[in-house]
Structures are given as C-alpha cells and as structure tokens.
Amino acid sequence: MYIGMYLSSLFTKISGYFLPAYVGSMLLAIVFRNINDSFNLIKINEYCMDIISNLSLGIFLSMAMMTLRIWELSSTALPLLVTLLIQVLLLSLFCIFIVFRICGKNYDSAAMCAGLMWHGLGATPNAVANIQALGDRYGVMSKQAMLIVPLCGSVLIDIVAVPFNTYMINVFV
C-alpha cells in the first residue's frame, strides 16, 4: 500500500494532477496479482483472503452507516426520495429486461442483477454484500457474479472514473 501511495504522489508531482492514494495501490495490486498468478511467486491462502475481505467489508459498511448523519439531509429529503425512487425504478427495469436476459436467464444472471442493483444504488462493497446475502439465502454462491460484479465495479469506478473525474476537476478548476 505504501508503494501504491508513493506512485500516486509521484503521479501528482509529475503531472500536477491529484490522484487519490488508493488508486495507485489498487493498480499496483492488480499488476502484482496478475504476475503472481502467472508465475506463482507467493502462495496466497484464499481462505485467509476471504476472511480478511469479509471482515473488511463488514467494518467498512458499519463505519459508513455509523458516520451517516441523516438529520443533516432533512431539507433535501423530498428531492432525494424522488431521485431514489426514479433510480430504483429505472435500474430495476434495466436489470429485469436487459441484464438478466443478456447474462443468460439463470441463477448467475440473477446474482449479477442483485449485485448491479446495489452497485447502482451504493458502491461495490454493497454489491458484494448483496451477492453474498443472496448466496447465503439460497445456499448457492455464484462464483461468476462474485468475479464479474466487483471486478467491473472496481474497474469502472476506481480505476477509470476516479482518475477521469480527478483529471476533469483539475482541468476545469
């Protein structure tokens, strides 16, 4: 993580554009994991990784909910509620009529739709938690959904959108 933070700060020094520290760490982790999977440099215990990721997800979601000060949003409650209802409706229609059918009309596609719903309404950790809850309820974990939804979510949000949004902010501010 330190090397990734260093790479992000180095990018900021060279380009003049601020890049969040976790993006450099994430890019470095992607490169390391792909190289390690190809050459087996270090044995990674998947069971331990699952425990750490589940624990981290639980802590993150708990902290996010505990720091939410909903009373500060009271003046914007009605516009937020209308926006949320429209977002839920459109996202539901998109999942039911497009994503579910394109992904194969099976349990994996239903799990991907469950992940997409919570990714669209929250973030990647919400999507992962929702897919896990669906797997716990029906006793079948969709490996395909657990691979595709977090990967696409992290790629689209963290690796593409954050640097792009940061770049646009730096250009126009």
N, C-alpha and C. Protein backbone atom coordinates (compact mmCIF):
# COMPACT_ATOMS: atom_id res chain seq x y z
N MET A 1 0.83 -1.20 0.00
CA MET A 1 0.00 0.00 0.00
C MET A 1 0.87 1.25 0.00
N TYR A 2 1.99 1.17 0.71
CA TYR A 2 2.88 2.33 0.76
C TYR A 2 3.44 2.63 -0.62
N ILE A 3 3.84 1.59 -1.35
CA ILE A 3 4.39 1.79 -2.70
C ILE A 3 3.32 2.39 -3.60
N GLY A 4 2.08 1.92 -3.47
CA GLY A 4 0.98 2.48 -4.26
C GLY A 4 0.72 3.93 -3.93
N MET A 5 0.77 4.27 -2.63
CA MET A 5 0.61 5.67 -2.23
C MET A 5 1.74 6.52 -2.81
N TYR A 6 2.95 5.96 -2.80
CA TYR A 6 4.09 6.67 -3.36
C TYR A 6 3.90 6.90 -4.86
N LEU A 7 3.39 5.88 -5.56
CA LEU A 7 3.15 6.02 -7.00
C LEU A 7 2.10 7.10 -7.28
N SER A 8 1.06 7.14 -6.45
CA SER A 8 0.03 8.18 -6.63
C SER A 8 0.62 9.57 -6.41
N SER A 9 1.44 9.72 -5.35
CA SER A 9 2.04 11.03 -5.10
C SER A 9 3.05 11.39 -6.18
N LEU A 10 3.77 10.40 -6.69
CA LEU A 10 4.71 10.63 -7.79
C LEU A 10 3.96 11.09 -9.04
N PHE A 11 2.81 10.46 -9.32
CA PHE A 11 1.98 10.87 -10.45
C PHE A 11 1.54 12.32 -10.28
N THR A 12 1.17 12.68 -9.05
CA THR A 12 0.74 14.05 -8.78
C THR A 12 1.88 15.04 -9.00
N LYS A 13 3.09 14.68 -8.54
CA LYS A 13 4.25 15.57 -8.72
C LYS A 13 4.60 15.74 -10.19
N ILE A 14 4.56 14.65 -10.95
CA ILE A 14 4.95 14.69 -12.36
C ILE A 14 3.91 15.40 -13.21
N SER A 15 2.63 15.04 -13.01
CA SER A 15 1.58 15.57 -13.88
C SER A 15 0.94 16.84 -13.36
N GLY A 16 1.00 17.05 -12.05
CA GLY A 16 0.31 18.20 -11.47
C GLY A 16 -1.14 17.92 -11.16
N TYR A 17 -1.61 16.72 -11.47
CA TYR A 17 -2.99 16.34 -11.20
C TYR A 17 -3.03 15.39 -10.01
N PHE A 18 -3.93 15.68 -9.07
CA PHE A 18 -4.05 14.87 -7.86
C PHE A 18 -4.71 13.54 -8.18
N LEU A 19 -4.12 12.46 -7.70
CA LEU A 19 -4.68 11.12 -7.84
C LEU A 19 -4.81 10.54 -6.43
N PRO A 20 -6.01 10.09 -6.03
CA PRO A 20 -6.16 9.52 -4.68
C PRO A 20 -5.17 8.39 -4.42
N ALA A 21 -4.68 8.29 -3.20
CA ALA A 21 -3.62 7.33 -2.85
C ALA A 21 -4.04 5.89 -3.10
N TYR A 22 -5.31 5.57 -2.89
CA TYR A 22 -5.72 4.18 -3.04
C TYR A 22 -5.73 3.72 -4.50
N VAL A 23 -5.81 4.64 -5.45
CA VAL A 23 -5.82 4.25 -6.86
C VAL A 23 -4.46 3.67 -7.26
N GLY A 24 -3.38 4.30 -6.82
CA GLY A 24 -2.04 3.75 -7.10
C GLY A 24 -1.86 2.39 -6.46
N SER A 25 -2.33 2.23 -5.23
CA SER A 25 -2.25 0.95 -4.54
C SER A 25 -3.06 -0.11 -5.27
N MET A 26 -4.23 0.26 -5.73
CA MET A 26 -5.08 -0.69 -6.44
C MET A 26 -4.46 -1.12 -7.77
N LEU A 27 -3.91 -0.17 -8.51
CA LEU A 27 -3.25 -0.53 -9.78
C LEU A 27 -2.05 -1.44 -9.54
N LEU A 28 -1.28 -1.14 -8.51
CA LEU A 28 -0.14 -1.98 -8.17
C LEU A 28 -0.60 -3.38 -7.75
N ALA A 29 -1.68 -3.46 -6.99
CA ALA A 29 -2.21 -4.77 -6.57
C ALA A 29 -2.69 -5.58 -7.76
N ILE A 30 -3.31 -4.93 -8.73
CA ILE A 30 -3.76 -5.63 -9.94
C ILE A 30 -2.57 -6.20 -10.70
N VAL A 31 -1.54 -5.41 -10.88
CA VAL A 31 -0.34 -5.87 -11.58
C VAL A 31 0.31 -7.02 -10.81
N PHE A 32 0.46 -6.86 -9.49
CA PHE A 32 1.10 -7.91 -8.68
C PHE A 32 0.30 -9.20 -8.73
N ARG A 33 -1.02 -9.12 -8.57
CA ARG A 33 -1.84 -10.34 -8.55
C ARG A 33 -1.76 -11.08 -9.88
N ASN A 34 -1.77 -10.35 -10.99
CA ASN A 34 -1.68 -11.00 -12.29
C ASN A 34 -0.32 -11.65 -12.50
N ILE A 35 0.74 -10.98 -12.10
CA ILE A 35 2.08 -11.56 -12.22
C ILE A 35 2.20 -12.77 -11.30
N ASN A 36 1.71 -12.65 -10.07
CA ASN A 36 1.80 -13.76 -9.11
C ASN A 36 0.98 -14.97 -9.59
N ASP A 37 -0.20 -14.73 -10.15
CA ASP A 37 -0.99 -15.85 -10.65
C ASP A 37 -0.32 -16.55 -11.83
N SER A 38 0.45 -15.81 -12.61
CA SER A 38 1.14 -16.40 -13.75
C SER A 38 2.39 -17.18 -13.35
N PHE A 39 3.15 -16.65 -12.39
CA PHE A 39 4.45 -17.24 -12.05
C PHE A 39 4.50 -17.90 -10.67
N ASN A 40 3.42 -17.84 -9.89
CA ASN A 40 3.37 -18.44 -8.55
C ASN A 40 4.55 -18.03 -7.68
N LEU A 41 4.79 -16.74 -7.57
CA LEU A 41 5.89 -16.23 -6.75
C LEU A 41 5.62 -16.40 -5.27
N ILE A 42 4.39 -16.11 -4.84
CA ILE A 42 4.00 -16.19 -3.44
C ILE A 42 2.69 -16.99 -3.37
N LYS A 43 2.61 -17.91 -2.43
CA LYS A 43 1.38 -18.68 -2.25
C LYS A 43 0.41 -17.82 -1.45
N ILE A 44 -0.75 -17.58 -2.02
CA ILE A 44 -1.79 -16.78 -1.37
C ILE A 44 -2.87 -17.73 -0.87
N ASN A 45 -3.13 -17.67 0.43
CA ASN A 45 -4.14 -18.51 1.05
C ASN A 45 -5.51 -17.88 0.79
N GLU A 46 -6.29 -18.47 -0.10
CA GLU A 46 -7.59 -17.91 -0.48
C GLU A 46 -8.57 -17.87 0.70
N TYR A 47 -8.50 -18.88 1.59
CA TYR A 47 -9.37 -18.90 2.77
C TYR A 47 -9.11 -17.68 3.65
N CYS A 48 -7.84 -17.40 3.89
CA CYS A 48 -7.49 -16.23 4.70
C CYS A 48 -7.89 -14.94 4.00
N MET A 49 -7.72 -14.89 2.69
CA MET A 49 -8.12 -13.70 1.93
C MET A 49 -9.63 -13.48 2.04
N ASP A 50 -10.42 -14.58 1.99
CA ASP A 50 -11.87 -14.45 2.14
C ASP A 50 -12.24 -13.92 3.52
N ILE A 51 -11.57 -14.42 4.56
CA ILE A 51 -11.86 -13.95 5.92
C ILE A 51 -11.52 -12.47 6.05
N ILE A 52 -10.36 -12.07 5.54
CA ILE A 52 -9.95 -10.67 5.63
C ILE A 52 -10.89 -9.78 4.84
N SER A 53 -11.29 -10.22 3.63
CA SER A 53 -12.17 -9.38 2.81
C SER A 53 -13.55 -9.27 3.43
N ASN A 54 -14.09 -10.36 3.99
CA ASN A 54 -15.39 -10.29 4.65
C ASN A 54 -15.34 -9.40 5.89
N LEU A 55 -14.29 -9.51 6.67
CA LEU A 55 -14.13 -8.66 7.85
C LEU A 55 -14.00 -7.19 7.44
N SER A 56 -13.19 -6.93 6.44
CA SER A 56 -13.00 -5.54 5.97
C SER A 56 -14.30 -4.97 5.43
N LEU A 57 -15.05 -5.78 4.68
CA LEU A 57 -16.33 -5.33 4.14
C LEU A 57 -17.29 -4.98 5.27
N GLY A 58 -17.36 -5.85 6.28
CA GLY A 58 -18.24 -5.58 7.41
C GLY A 58 -17.86 -4.31 8.16
N ILE A 59 -16.57 -4.12 8.38
CA ILE A 59 -16.10 -2.90 9.06
C ILE A 59 -16.41 -1.66 8.23
N PHE A 60 -16.16 -1.73 6.92
CA PHE A 60 -16.42 -0.59 6.04
C PHE A 60 -17.90 -0.22 6.06
N LEU A 61 -18.77 -1.21 5.89
CA LEU A 61 -20.20 -0.91 5.85
C LEU A 61 -20.68 -0.39 7.20
N SER A 62 -20.17 -0.94 8.29
CA SER A 62 -20.55 -0.44 9.62
C SER A 62 -20.10 1.00 9.81
N MET A 63 -18.87 1.30 9.43
CA MET A 63 -18.37 2.68 9.58
C MET A 63 -19.14 3.64 8.70
N ALA A 64 -19.48 3.21 7.49
CA ALA A 64 -20.22 4.08 6.59
C ALA A 64 -21.60 4.39 7.15
N MET A 65 -22.26 3.39 7.72
CA MET A 65 -23.59 3.63 8.29
C MET A 65 -23.53 4.45 9.58
N MET A 66 -22.49 4.23 10.38
CA MET A 66 -22.36 4.96 11.65
C MET A 66 -22.03 6.43 11.44
N THR A 67 -21.33 6.76 10.38
CA THR A 67 -20.95 8.15 10.15
C THR A 67 -21.98 8.91 9.32
N LEU A 68 -23.03 8.23 8.90
CA LEU A 68 -24.07 8.89 8.11
C LEU A 68 -24.93 9.76 9.03
N ARG A 69 -24.94 11.05 8.79
CA ARG A 69 -25.73 11.99 9.61
C ARG A 69 -26.97 12.38 8.81
N ILE A 70 -27.96 11.54 8.91
CA ILE A 70 -29.16 11.68 8.08
C ILE A 70 -29.96 12.94 8.40
N TRP A 71 -29.88 13.43 9.65
CA TRP A 71 -30.63 14.63 10.02
C TRP A 71 -30.15 15.87 9.27
N GLU A 72 -28.90 15.85 8.78
CA GLU A 72 -28.40 16.99 8.02
C GLU A 72 -28.99 17.04 6.61
N LEU A 73 -29.63 15.96 6.21
CA LEU A 73 -30.21 15.90 4.87
C LEU A 73 -31.71 16.17 4.87
N SER A 74 -32.27 16.57 5.99
CA SER A 74 -33.72 16.72 6.10
C SER A 74 -34.30 17.73 5.10
N SER A 75 -33.58 18.77 4.79
CA SER A 75 -34.11 19.77 3.85
C SER A 75 -34.12 19.26 2.41
N THR A 76 -33.34 18.25 2.14
CA THR A 76 -33.30 17.71 0.78
C THR A 76 -33.98 16.34 0.71
N ALA A 77 -34.76 15.99 1.72
CA ALA A 77 -35.36 14.66 1.80
C ALA A 77 -36.29 14.36 0.61
N LEU A 78 -37.16 15.29 0.27
CA LEU A 78 -38.11 15.03 -0.81
C LEU A 78 -37.41 14.87 -2.17
N PRO A 79 -36.52 15.80 -2.56
CA PRO A 79 -35.82 15.59 -3.84
C PRO A 79 -34.98 14.31 -3.85
N LEU A 80 -34.35 13.97 -2.72
CA LEU A 80 -33.57 12.74 -2.65
C LEU A 80 -34.46 11.51 -2.77
N LEU A 81 -35.62 11.55 -2.16
CA LEU A 81 -36.56 10.43 -2.22
C LEU A 81 -37.08 10.23 -3.65
N VAL A 82 -37.42 11.32 -4.31
CA VAL A 82 -37.88 11.22 -5.70
C VAL A 82 -36.77 10.68 -6.59
N THR A 83 -35.57 11.19 -6.41
CA THR A 83 -34.42 10.71 -7.20
C THR A 83 -34.18 9.24 -6.94
N LEU A 84 -34.25 8.82 -5.68
CA LEU A 84 -34.04 7.42 -5.33
C LEU A 84 -35.11 6.53 -5.96
N LEU A 85 -36.35 6.93 -5.90
CA LEU A 85 -37.43 6.14 -6.48
C LEU A 85 -37.27 5.99 -7.99
N ILE A 86 -36.92 7.07 -8.65
CA ILE A 86 -36.69 7.01 -10.10
C ILE A 86 -35.50 6.11 -10.42
N GLN A 87 -34.44 6.24 -9.64
CA GLN A 87 -33.25 5.42 -9.85
C GLN A 87 -33.56 3.94 -9.63
N VAL A 88 -34.31 3.61 -8.59
CA VAL A 88 -34.68 2.21 -8.32
C VAL A 88 -35.54 1.67 -9.45
N LEU A 89 -36.51 2.45 -9.90
CA LEU A 89 -37.39 2.02 -10.97
C LEU A 89 -36.61 1.75 -12.26
N LEU A 90 -35.79 2.72 -12.67
CA LEU A 90 -35.05 2.55 -13.92
C LEU A 90 -34.01 1.44 -13.83
N LEU A 91 -33.35 1.33 -12.70
CA LEU A 91 -32.36 0.27 -12.51
C LEU A 91 -33.03 -1.10 -12.48
N SER A 92 -34.19 -1.20 -11.87
CA SER A 92 -34.94 -2.46 -11.84
C SER A 92 -35.34 -2.88 -13.25
N LEU A 93 -35.87 -1.94 -14.01
CA LEU A 93 -36.26 -2.25 -15.39
C LEU A 93 -35.05 -2.66 -16.23
N PHE A 94 -33.94 -1.96 -16.04
CA PHE A 94 -32.71 -2.30 -16.76
C PHE A 94 -32.25 -3.71 -16.41
N CYS A 95 -32.28 -4.04 -15.12
CA CYS A 95 -31.86 -5.39 -14.69
C CYS A 95 -32.79 -6.47 -15.22
N ILE A 96 -34.09 -6.25 -15.10
CA ILE A 96 -35.06 -7.28 -15.48
C ILE A 96 -35.09 -7.50 -17.00
N PHE A 97 -35.16 -6.42 -17.76
CA PHE A 97 -35.38 -6.57 -19.18
C PHE A 97 -34.12 -6.61 -20.04
N ILE A 98 -33.00 -6.18 -19.50
CA ILE A 98 -31.78 -6.18 -20.32
C ILE A 98 -30.71 -7.08 -19.72
N VAL A 99 -30.24 -6.78 -18.51
CA VAL A 99 -29.10 -7.50 -17.93
C VAL A 99 -29.42 -8.98 -17.71
N PHE A 100 -30.58 -9.28 -17.09
CA PHE A 100 -30.94 -10.67 -16.82
C PHE A 100 -31.00 -11.49 -18.11
N ARG A 101 -31.55 -10.92 -19.14
CA ARG A 101 -31.68 -11.65 -20.42
C ARG A 101 -30.34 -11.80 -21.13
N ILE A 102 -29.53 -10.76 -21.12
CA ILE A 102 -28.23 -10.82 -21.80
C ILE A 102 -27.30 -11.80 -21.09
N CYS A 103 -27.39 -11.87 -19.77
CA CYS A 103 -26.48 -12.72 -18.98
C CYS A 103 -26.90 -14.18 -18.93
N GLY A 104 -28.02 -14.55 -19.53
CA GLY A 104 -28.36 -15.96 -19.66
C GLY A 104 -29.59 -16.47 -18.96
N LYS A 105 -30.35 -15.63 -18.29
CA LYS A 105 -31.60 -16.03 -17.62
C LYS A 105 -31.41 -17.22 -16.68
N ASN A 106 -30.37 -17.20 -15.85
CA ASN A 106 -30.13 -18.28 -14.89
C ASN A 106 -29.78 -17.67 -13.53
N TYR A 107 -29.39 -18.52 -12.58
CA TYR A 107 -29.08 -18.05 -11.23
C TYR A 107 -27.92 -17.06 -11.23
N ASP A 108 -26.88 -17.34 -12.05
CA ASP A 108 -25.74 -16.42 -12.12
C ASP A 108 -26.18 -15.04 -12.59
N SER A 109 -27.07 -15.01 -13.58
CA SER A 109 -27.54 -13.71 -14.08
C SER A 109 -28.40 -13.01 -13.03
N ALA A 110 -29.17 -13.78 -12.24
CA ALA A 110 -29.96 -13.16 -11.16
C ALA A 110 -29.02 -12.59 -10.09
N ALA A 111 -27.94 -13.32 -9.78
CA ALA A 111 -26.97 -12.82 -8.79
C ALA A 111 -26.26 -11.58 -9.31
N MET A 112 -25.95 -11.55 -10.61
CA MET A 112 -25.32 -10.35 -11.18
C MET A 112 -26.28 -9.16 -11.14
N CYS A 113 -27.56 -9.43 -11.38
CA CYS A 113 -28.56 -8.36 -11.28
C CYS A 113 -28.67 -7.84 -9.85
N ALA A 114 -28.61 -8.77 -8.88
CA ALA A 114 -28.64 -8.36 -7.46
C ALA A 114 -27.44 -7.47 -7.14
N GLY A 115 -26.29 -7.85 -7.64
CA GLY A 115 -25.10 -7.04 -7.44
C GLY A 115 -25.20 -5.70 -8.14
N LEU A 116 -25.70 -5.71 -9.36
CA LEU A 116 -25.84 -4.46 -10.12
C LEU A 116 -26.80 -3.50 -9.43
N MET A 117 -27.89 -4.04 -8.89
CA MET A 117 -28.86 -3.17 -8.20
C MET A 117 -28.18 -2.41 -7.06
N TRP A 118 -27.39 -3.12 -6.24
CA TRP A 118 -26.78 -2.44 -5.11
C TRP A 118 -25.54 -1.67 -5.50
N HIS A 119 -24.93 -2.05 -6.61
CA HIS A 119 -23.82 -1.23 -7.10
C HIS A 119 -24.38 0.09 -7.62
N GLY A 120 -25.49 0.02 -8.31
CA GLY A 120 -26.12 1.23 -8.84
C GLY A 120 -26.70 2.12 -7.76
N LEU A 121 -27.07 1.53 -6.63
CA LEU A 121 -27.65 2.30 -5.54
C LEU A 121 -26.65 2.65 -4.46
N GLY A 122 -25.46 2.10 -4.53
CA GLY A 122 -24.47 2.36 -3.49
C GLY A 122 -23.07 2.31 -4.04
N ALA A 123 -22.39 1.20 -3.81
CA ALA A 123 -21.00 1.06 -4.23
C ALA A 123 -20.67 -0.42 -4.36
N THR A 124 -19.47 -0.71 -4.77
CA THR A 124 -19.04 -2.09 -4.96
C THR A 124 -19.16 -2.93 -3.69
N PRO A 125 -18.79 -2.44 -2.50
CA PRO A 125 -18.97 -3.26 -1.29
C PRO A 125 -20.44 -3.63 -1.05
N ASN A 126 -21.36 -2.72 -1.37
CA ASN A 126 -22.78 -3.02 -1.23
C ASN A 126 -23.17 -4.15 -2.18
N ALA A 127 -22.64 -4.12 -3.39
CA ALA A 127 -22.94 -5.15 -4.38
C ALA A 127 -22.44 -6.50 -3.91
N VAL A 128 -21.23 -6.55 -3.39
CA VAL A 128 -20.65 -7.80 -2.90
C VAL A 128 -21.47 -8.33 -1.73
N ALA A 129 -21.84 -7.46 -0.81
CA ALA A 129 -22.64 -7.88 0.35
C ALA A 129 -24.00 -8.42 -0.11
N ASN A 130 -24.59 -7.83 -1.12
CA ASN A 130 -25.88 -8.29 -1.62
C ASN A 130 -25.75 -9.65 -2.30
N ILE A 131 -24.72 -9.86 -3.08
CA ILE A 131 -24.50 -11.16 -3.72
C ILE A 131 -24.26 -12.23 -2.66
N GLN A 132 -23.48 -11.89 -1.62
CA GLN A 132 -23.25 -12.84 -0.53
C GLN A 132 -24.55 -13.16 0.21
N ALA A 133 -25.40 -12.17 0.43
CA ALA A 133 -26.67 -12.40 1.11
C ALA A 133 -27.57 -13.30 0.26
N LEU A 134 -27.57 -13.10 -1.04
CA LEU A 134 -28.35 -13.95 -1.94
C LEU A 134 -27.83 -15.38 -1.91
N GLY A 135 -26.51 -15.54 -1.93
CA GLY A 135 -25.91 -16.87 -1.85
C GLY A 135 -26.20 -17.55 -0.52
N ASP A 136 -26.17 -16.79 0.57
CA ASP A 136 -26.48 -17.36 1.89
C ASP A 136 -27.94 -17.79 1.97
N ARG A 137 -28.81 -17.00 1.38
CA ARG A 137 -30.24 -17.32 1.44
C ARG A 137 -30.59 -18.58 0.66
N TYR A 138 -30.02 -18.73 -0.53
CA TYR A 138 -30.36 -19.88 -1.37
C TYR A 138 -29.34 -21.00 -1.31
N GLY A 139 -28.26 -20.81 -0.56
CA GLY A 139 -27.28 -21.88 -0.38
C GLY A 139 -26.37 -22.12 -1.57
N VAL A 140 -26.40 -21.23 -2.54
CA VAL A 140 -25.56 -21.37 -3.73
C VAL A 140 -24.86 -20.03 -3.98
N MET A 141 -23.53 -20.04 -3.95
CA MET A 141 -22.78 -18.81 -4.20
C MET A 141 -22.44 -18.77 -5.69
N SER A 142 -22.79 -17.69 -6.33
CA SER A 142 -22.47 -17.52 -7.75
C SER A 142 -21.04 -17.02 -7.89
N LYS A 143 -20.15 -17.93 -8.28
CA LYS A 143 -18.75 -17.55 -8.47
C LYS A 143 -18.62 -16.55 -9.61
N GLN A 144 -19.44 -16.73 -10.63
CA GLN A 144 -19.40 -15.83 -11.78
C GLN A 144 -19.77 -14.40 -11.36
N ALA A 145 -20.82 -14.25 -10.58
CA ALA A 145 -21.23 -12.91 -10.13
C ALA A 145 -20.20 -12.31 -9.19
N MET A 146 -19.63 -13.16 -8.31
CA MET A 146 -18.61 -12.66 -7.37
C MET A 146 -17.33 -12.25 -8.08
N LEU A 147 -17.11 -12.74 -9.28
CA LEU A 147 -15.95 -12.33 -10.06
C LEU A 147 -16.27 -11.10 -10.90
N ILE A 148 -17.37 -11.13 -11.59
CA ILE A 148 -17.68 -10.08 -12.59
C ILE A 148 -18.10 -8.77 -11.95
N VAL A 149 -19.02 -8.80 -11.00
CA VAL A 149 -19.57 -7.56 -10.44
C VAL A 149 -18.50 -6.73 -9.71
N PRO A 150 -17.73 -7.31 -8.77
CA PRO A 150 -16.70 -6.49 -8.13
C PRO A 150 -15.60 -6.04 -9.09
N LEU A 151 -15.24 -6.90 -10.03
CA LEU A 151 -14.20 -6.53 -10.98
C LEU A 151 -14.65 -5.37 -11.85
N CYS A 152 -15.85 -5.48 -12.40
CA CYS A 152 -16.36 -4.38 -13.23
C CYS A 152 -16.58 -3.13 -12.40
N GLY A 153 -17.10 -3.31 -11.19
CA GLY A 153 -17.33 -2.15 -10.32
C GLY A 153 -16.05 -1.44 -9.97
N SER A 154 -15.03 -2.21 -9.61
CA SER A 154 -13.77 -1.56 -9.23
C SER A 154 -13.07 -0.97 -10.44
N VAL A 155 -13.16 -1.65 -11.59
CA VAL A 155 -12.52 -1.11 -12.79
C VAL A 155 -13.23 0.16 -13.23
N LEU A 156 -14.55 0.10 -13.32
CA LEU A 156 -15.28 1.26 -13.82
C LEU A 156 -15.25 2.43 -12.87
N ILE A 157 -15.37 2.17 -11.58
CA ILE A 157 -15.43 3.27 -10.62
C ILE A 157 -14.04 3.73 -10.21
N ASP A 158 -13.24 2.80 -9.69
CA ASP A 158 -11.98 3.19 -9.07
C ASP A 158 -10.85 3.44 -10.06
N ILE A 159 -10.78 2.66 -11.11
CA ILE A 159 -9.63 2.78 -12.00
C ILE A 159 -9.91 3.73 -13.16
N VAL A 160 -11.16 3.80 -13.62
CA VAL A 160 -11.48 4.67 -14.74
C VAL A 160 -12.10 5.99 -14.27
N ALA A 161 -13.16 5.90 -13.47
CA ALA A 161 -13.92 7.10 -13.12
C ALA A 161 -13.16 8.04 -12.19
N VAL A 162 -12.51 7.51 -11.16
CA VAL A 162 -11.83 8.39 -10.20
C VAL A 162 -10.71 9.18 -10.88
N PRO A 163 -9.80 8.54 -11.62
CA PRO A 163 -8.78 9.34 -12.30
C PRO A 163 -9.38 10.31 -13.33
N PHE A 164 -10.41 9.86 -14.06
CA PHE A 164 -11.03 10.74 -15.05
C PHE A 164 -11.69 11.94 -14.38
N ASN A 165 -12.47 11.68 -13.32
CA ASN A 165 -13.12 12.79 -12.61
C ASN A 165 -12.10 13.73 -11.98
N THR A 166 -11.04 13.15 -11.43
CA THR A 166 -9.97 13.96 -10.85
C THR A 166 -9.33 14.83 -11.93
N TYR A 167 -9.08 14.24 -13.08
CA TYR A 167 -8.50 14.98 -14.20
C TYR A 167 -9.42 16.12 -14.62
N MET A 168 -10.70 15.84 -14.74
CA MET A 168 -11.65 16.87 -15.18
C MET A 168 -11.74 17.99 -14.14
N ILE A 169 -11.73 17.64 -12.86
CA ILE A 169 -11.75 18.66 -11.81
C ILE A 169 -10.52 19.53 -11.89
N ASN A 170 -9.35 18.91 -12.08
CA ASN A 170 -8.10 19.66 -12.18
C ASN A 170 -8.08 20.55 -13.41
N VAL A 171 -8.67 20.11 -14.51
CA VAL A 171 -8.67 20.89 -15.74
C VAL A 171 -9.61 22.11 -15.60
N PHE A 172 -10.79 21.89 -15.04
CA PHE A 172 -11.79 22.96 -15.03
C PHE A 172 -11.79 23.82 -13.77
N VAL A 173 -10.98 23.48 -12.78
CA VAL A 173 -10.97 24.30 -11.57
C VAL A 173 -9.77 25.16 -11.54
